[in-house]
Amino acid sequence: MTVDELAEYLGKKPAWIYNSHRILGLPSWKVGGSLRFRMSEVDRWLDRECPASA
């Protein structure tokens, strides 16, 4: 996913993704100078960082 796609998926602005991905430990890769994200990795990160309330 691109930054824009991830921002839409998370309901955040692209600037938030750029500013926060390292601080929050959001799994990302650089591809041709652009940040990319795997949905499966993002979902695992969300499960760890934001567990659903029981």
C-alpha atoms as a PDB file:
ATOM      1  CA  MET A   1       0.000   0.000   0.000  1.00  0.00           C
ATOM      2  CA  THR A   2       1.071   3.559  -0.557  1.00  0.00           C
ATOM      3  CA  VAL A   3       1.047   6.245   2.113  1.00  0.00           C
ATOM      4  CA  ASP A   4      -2.208   7.623   0.702  1.00  0.00           C
ATOM      5  CA  GLU A   5      -3.849   4.184   0.730  1.00  0.00           C
ATOM      6  CA  LEU A   6      -2.712   3.526   4.288  1.00  0.00           C
ATOM      7  CA  ALA A   7      -3.901   6.943   5.435  1.00  0.00           C
ATOM      8  CA  GLU A   8      -7.344   6.209   4.031  1.00  0.00           C
ATOM      9  CA  TYR A   9      -7.336   2.725   5.594  1.00  0.00           C
ATOM     10  CA  LEU A  10      -6.458   4.144   9.029  1.00  0.00           C
ATOM     11  CA  GLY A  11      -8.590   7.257   8.723  1.00  0.00           C
ATOM     12  CA  LYS A  12      -5.567   9.536   9.078  1.00  0.00           C
ATOM     13  CA  LYS A  13      -3.926  12.168   6.907  1.00  0.00           C
ATOM     14  CA  PRO A  14      -0.873  11.203   4.821  1.00  0.00           C
ATOM     15  CA  ALA A  15       1.232  13.688   6.802  1.00  0.00           C
ATOM     16  CA  TRP A  16       0.412  11.750   9.979  1.00  0.00           C
ATOM     17  CA  ILE A  17       1.753   8.550   8.371  1.00  0.00           C
ATOM     18  CA  TYR A  18       4.995  10.261   7.303  1.00  0.00           C
ATOM     19  CA  ASN A  19       5.487  11.879  10.708  1.00  0.00           C
ATOM     20  CA  SER A  20       4.518   8.903  12.869  1.00  0.00           C
ATOM     21  CA  HIS A  21       5.514   5.660  11.158  1.00  0.00           C
ATOM     22  CA  ARG A  22       8.980   5.445  12.756  1.00  0.00           C
ATOM     23  CA  ILE A  23       7.915   6.675  16.186  1.00  0.00           C
ATOM     24  CA  LEU A  24       5.047   4.191  16.380  1.00  0.00           C
ATOM     25  CA  GLY A  25       6.982   1.304  14.837  1.00  0.00           C
ATOM     26  CA  LEU A  26       4.601   0.951  11.913  1.00  0.00           C
ATOM     27  CA  PRO A  27       6.171  -1.666   9.614  1.00  0.00           C
ATOM     28  CA  SER A  28       7.245  -0.036   6.364  1.00  0.00           C
ATOM     29  CA  TRP A  29       9.651  -0.428   3.463  1.00  0.00           C
ATOM     30  CA  LYS A  30      11.240   1.979   1.036  1.00  0.00           C
ATOM     31  CA  VAL A  31      10.601   1.101  -2.592  1.00  0.00           C
ATOM     32  CA  GLY A  32      12.182   3.430  -5.107  1.00  0.00           C
ATOM     33  CA  GLY A  33      12.391   6.147  -2.465  1.00  0.00           C
ATOM     34  CA  SER A  34       8.714   5.848  -1.480  1.00  0.00           C
ATOM     35  CA  LEU A  35       7.265   4.342   1.681  1.00  0.00           C
ATOM     36  CA  ARG A  36       5.225   1.190   1.220  1.00  0.00           C
ATOM     37  CA  PHE A  37       3.224  -0.895   3.649  1.00  0.00           C
ATOM     38  CA  ARG A  38       1.851  -4.448   3.621  1.00  0.00           C
ATOM     39  CA  MET A  39      -1.728  -4.644   4.776  1.00  0.00           C
ATOM     40  CA  SER A  40      -1.085  -7.917   6.595  1.00  0.00           C
ATOM     41  CA  GLU A  41       1.800  -6.336   8.547  1.00  0.00           C
ATOM     42  CA  VAL A  42      -0.255  -3.233   9.331  1.00  0.00           C
ATOM     43  CA  ASP A  43      -3.124  -5.403  10.573  1.00  0.00           C
ATOM     44  CA  ARG A  44      -0.747  -7.363  12.842  1.00  0.00           C
ATOM     45  CA  TRP A  45       0.681  -4.073  14.129  1.00  0.00           C
ATOM     46  CA  LEU A  46      -2.847  -2.809  14.841  1.00  0.00           C
ATOM     47  CA  ASP A  47      -3.671  -6.010  16.722  1.00  0.00           C
ATOM     48  CA  ARG A  48      -0.571  -5.545  18.908  1.00  0.00           C
ATOM     49  CA  GLU A  49      -0.838  -1.793  19.435  1.00  0.00           C
ATOM     50  CA  CYS A  50      -4.618  -1.365  19.593  1.00  0.00           C
ATOM     51  CA  PRO A  51      -6.170  -4.565  20.924  1.00  0.00           C
ATOM     52  CA  ALA A  52      -9.951  -4.634  20.927  1.00  0.00           C
ATOM     53  CA  SER A  53     -11.582  -4.160  24.290  1.00  0.00           C
ATOM     54  CA  ALA A  54     -13.104  -7.338  25.669  1.00  0.00           C
END
